[in-house]
Amino acid sequence: MTQTILARLSPMGPDPGEVENALPGLAALLADCVEGGAAVNFVWPFDAEQALAYWRRQMPGLLAGKARLFVARDTDGSILGCVMLDTDTPPNQPHRAEIKKLLVLRRARRLGLARALMLAAEDEARRLGRTLLILDTRDGDNGQKLYEAIGYVLFGRVPGYSLPVHGGEAETCAFYYKQLAP
């Protein structure tokens, strides 16, 4: 029998307590994804301290309102996934934002959480007047199917862009954009 994991989405920040309380769950989520081979800017070996340090570095931007973090939680409150909308853009790009760190626990994949997180980030971008979103992903990843299904357009590939998590030759990165209707 298949068990469906129910989740709720909530934007996080700028409440310092809320962000601080979520750090262990966010670190566990990041560590799970890196261990599973996700191309999210880290290489193996990777430990809980590195994951926690990454999220601590994100706190100033979240608390200052320069980024928004959306979190999918199980009914018990545990974190199943997240996505960050980075709105810290130069003065000549107030209409743009970047999608970062779309992460879903390996045990919670294929339940629609990634899609729900992306759509929540897009809704927030619209609310903030952002009409152009960009993102990047390892070429060939399953995420590309999702991005294309929800309207992202591939605009380029860069070979040898980054090293794979578990070692080997540098891999190609695919870059996407989406224009949002206001």
Protein backbone atom coordinates (compact mmCIF):
# COMPACT_ATOMS: atom_id res chain seq x y z
CA MET A 1 0.00 0.00 0.00
CA THR A 2 1.27 3.46 -0.88
CA GLN A 3 1.19 6.13 1.79
CA THR A 4 0.63 9.68 0.65
CA ILE A 5 2.52 12.32 2.57
CA LEU A 6 0.42 15.41 3.14
CA ALA A 7 2.23 18.72 3.15
CA ARG A 8 1.51 22.36 3.65
CA LEU A 9 3.50 25.20 2.15
CA SER A 10 4.53 28.20 4.13
CA PRO A 11 6.69 31.17 3.23
CA MET A 12 9.42 31.61 5.80
CA GLY A 13 10.95 34.80 7.12
CA PRO A 14 11.54 37.46 8.10
CA ASP A 15 10.77 36.01 11.57
CA PRO A 16 14.20 35.10 13.02
CA GLY A 17 12.73 32.49 15.35
CA GLU A 18 10.91 30.70 12.56
CA VAL A 19 14.02 30.58 10.39
CA GLU A 20 16.26 29.51 13.29
CA ASN A 21 13.87 26.71 14.30
CA ALA A 22 13.81 25.41 10.73
CA LEU A 23 17.62 25.22 10.38
CA PRO A 24 18.04 21.58 11.53
CA GLY A 25 15.29 20.38 9.18
CA LEU A 26 16.66 22.43 6.29
CA ALA A 27 20.17 21.07 6.95
CA ALA A 28 18.86 17.49 6.99
CA LEU A 29 17.01 18.14 3.72
CA LEU A 30 20.11 19.54 2.02
CA ALA A 31 22.28 16.68 3.30
CA ASP A 32 19.77 14.10 2.02
CA CYS A 33 19.72 15.68 -1.43
CA VAL A 34 23.52 15.96 -1.67
CA GLU A 35 23.95 12.37 -0.49
CA GLY A 36 21.50 11.34 -3.21
CA GLY A 37 23.59 13.06 -5.89
CA ALA A 38 21.62 16.27 -6.40
CA ALA A 39 23.59 18.97 -8.20
CA VAL A 40 23.02 21.77 -5.71
CA ASN A 41 26.53 23.29 -5.48
CA PHE A 42 28.14 20.82 -3.08
CA VAL A 43 30.48 17.83 -3.42
CA TRP A 44 30.99 14.71 -1.36
CA PRO A 45 32.03 14.30 1.40
CA PHE A 46 29.35 16.54 2.82
CA ASP A 47 28.15 16.59 6.40
CA ALA A 48 25.48 18.08 8.63
CA GLU A 49 27.79 20.91 9.73
CA GLN A 50 28.33 22.04 6.13
CA ALA A 51 24.58 21.90 5.51
CA LEU A 52 23.85 23.92 8.63
CA ALA A 53 26.56 26.45 7.71
CA TYR A 54 24.99 26.92 4.26
CA TRP A 55 21.57 27.71 5.73
CA ARG A 56 23.08 30.03 8.36
CA ARG A 57 24.68 32.02 5.50
CA GLN A 58 21.21 32.41 3.95
CA MET A 59 19.67 33.88 7.12
CA PRO A 60 20.72 37.52 6.57
CA GLY A 61 19.08 37.61 3.13
CA LEU A 62 15.94 35.92 4.42
CA LEU A 63 15.70 38.22 7.42
CA ALA A 64 16.32 41.30 5.27
CA GLY A 65 13.59 40.26 2.84
CA LYS A 66 16.06 39.81 -0.04
CA ALA A 67 15.02 36.18 -0.41
CA ARG A 68 11.89 34.18 0.33
CA LEU A 69 11.98 30.55 1.40
CA PHE A 70 9.00 28.27 0.85
CA VAL A 71 8.91 25.04 2.81
CA ALA A 72 6.81 21.91 2.34
CA ARG A 73 6.11 20.14 5.61
CA ASP A 74 4.68 16.79 6.53
CA THR A 75 1.63 16.70 8.81
CA ASP A 76 4.01 16.26 11.78
CA GLY A 77 5.80 19.49 10.84
CA SER A 78 8.96 17.89 9.48
CA ILE A 79 10.46 19.54 6.41
CA LEU A 80 10.00 17.59 3.17
CA GLY A 81 11.16 20.18 0.65
CA CYS A 82 11.93 23.82 -0.02
CA VAL A 83 12.64 26.40 -2.69
CA MET A 84 14.17 29.85 -2.40
CA LEU A 85 13.18 32.91 -4.40
CA ASP A 86 16.16 35.28 -4.50
CA THR A 87 15.09 38.86 -5.15
CA ASP A 88 18.45 40.49 -4.35
CA THR A 89 19.02 41.90 -7.83
CA PRO A 90 20.94 44.92 -9.12
CA PRO A 91 19.10 48.26 -9.43
CA ASN A 92 18.61 47.82 -13.18
CA GLN A 93 16.86 44.44 -12.68
CA PRO A 94 14.01 45.06 -10.24
CA HIS A 95 11.73 42.95 -12.44
CA ARG A 96 13.85 39.77 -12.12
CA ALA A 97 14.33 37.03 -9.49
CA GLU A 98 16.15 33.72 -9.31
CA ILE A 99 14.89 30.31 -8.25
CA LYS A 100 17.40 28.59 -5.96
CA LYS A 101 17.66 25.39 -3.97
CA LEU A 102 14.59 23.45 -5.05
CA LEU A 103 15.06 20.47 -2.75
CA VAL A 104 12.79 17.53 -1.91
CA LEU A 105 13.68 14.63 0.39
CA ARG A 106 14.31 11.48 -1.61
CA ARG A 107 11.54 9.66 0.30
CA ALA A 108 9.03 12.41 -0.58
CA ARG A 109 9.65 12.70 -4.31
CA ARG A 110 7.05 12.05 -7.02
CA LEU A 111 4.27 13.50 -4.84
CA GLY A 112 4.01 16.90 -6.54
CA LEU A 113 5.92 18.81 -3.87
CA ALA A 114 8.51 20.27 -6.27
CA ARG A 115 5.74 21.56 -8.55
CA ALA A 116 3.81 23.02 -5.61
CA LEU A 117 6.95 24.72 -4.29
CA MET A 118 7.79 26.19 -7.69
CA LEU A 119 4.26 27.51 -8.15
CA ALA A 120 4.33 29.08 -4.67
CA ALA A 121 7.62 30.83 -5.53
CA GLU A 122 6.14 32.05 -8.81
CA ASP A 123 3.06 33.41 -7.02
CA GLU A 124 5.30 35.29 -4.60
CA ALA A 125 7.39 36.65 -7.47
CA ARG A 126 4.24 37.99 -9.12
CA ARG A 127 3.10 39.53 -5.83
CA LEU A 128 6.47 41.30 -5.61
CA GLY A 129 6.20 42.58 -9.20
CA ARG A 130 8.87 40.22 -10.54
CA THR A 131 8.08 39.21 -14.11
CA LEU A 132 11.21 37.30 -15.11
CA LEU A 133 12.52 34.23 -13.29
CA ILE A 134 15.76 32.41 -14.02
CA LEU A 135 17.21 29.14 -12.77
CA ASP A 136 19.89 26.63 -13.59
CA THR A 137 20.13 22.87 -13.27
CA ARG A 138 22.41 20.04 -14.23
CA ASP A 139 21.64 19.12 -17.82
CA GLY A 140 19.72 15.84 -17.94
CA ASP A 141 18.29 16.03 -14.41
CA ASN A 142 14.67 15.10 -13.80
CA GLY A 143 14.03 18.70 -12.76
CA GLN A 144 14.24 19.75 -16.39
CA LYS A 145 11.00 17.90 -17.15
CA LEU A 146 9.25 19.78 -14.35
CA TYR A 147 10.64 23.17 -15.37
CA GLU A 148 9.59 22.68 -18.99
CA ALA A 149 6.15 21.37 -17.97
CA ILE A 150 5.44 24.55 -15.99
CA GLY A 151 6.61 26.88 -18.74
CA TYR A 152 10.34 27.48 -18.29
CA VAL A 153 12.30 27.97 -21.49
CA LEU A 154 15.79 26.55 -22.00
CA PHE A 155 18.06 29.36 -23.19
CA GLY A 156 21.46 27.76 -23.04
CA ARG A 157 23.82 25.07 -21.91
CA VAL A 158 27.34 25.51 -20.61
CA PRO A 159 29.56 22.41 -20.85
CA GLY A 160 31.95 21.66 -18.01
CA TYR A 161 30.11 24.03 -15.68
CA SER A 162 30.39 22.17 -12.37
CA LEU A 163 31.76 19.02 -10.79
CA PRO A 164 29.40 16.16 -9.98
CA VAL A 165 28.60 15.50 -6.33
CA HIS A 166 30.41 12.17 -6.13
CA GLY A 167 33.36 13.05 -8.36
CA GLY A 168 34.13 12.76 -12.05
CA GLU A 169 34.30 15.06 -15.05
CA ALA A 170 32.67 18.48 -14.94
CA GLU A 171 29.05 18.40 -16.12
CA THR A 172 26.92 20.58 -18.37
CA CYS A 173 24.54 23.08 -16.81
CA ALA A 174 21.22 24.08 -18.40
CA PHE A 175 19.84 27.60 -17.93
CA TYR A 176 16.12 28.44 -17.99
CA TYR A 177 13.90 31.49 -17.81
CA LYS A 178 10.19 32.11 -17.43
CA GLN A 179 8.30 35.31 -18.09
CA LEU A 180 5.46 35.73 -15.64
CA ALA A 181 2.23 37.47 -16.46
CA PRO A 182 1.59 40.20 -13.87
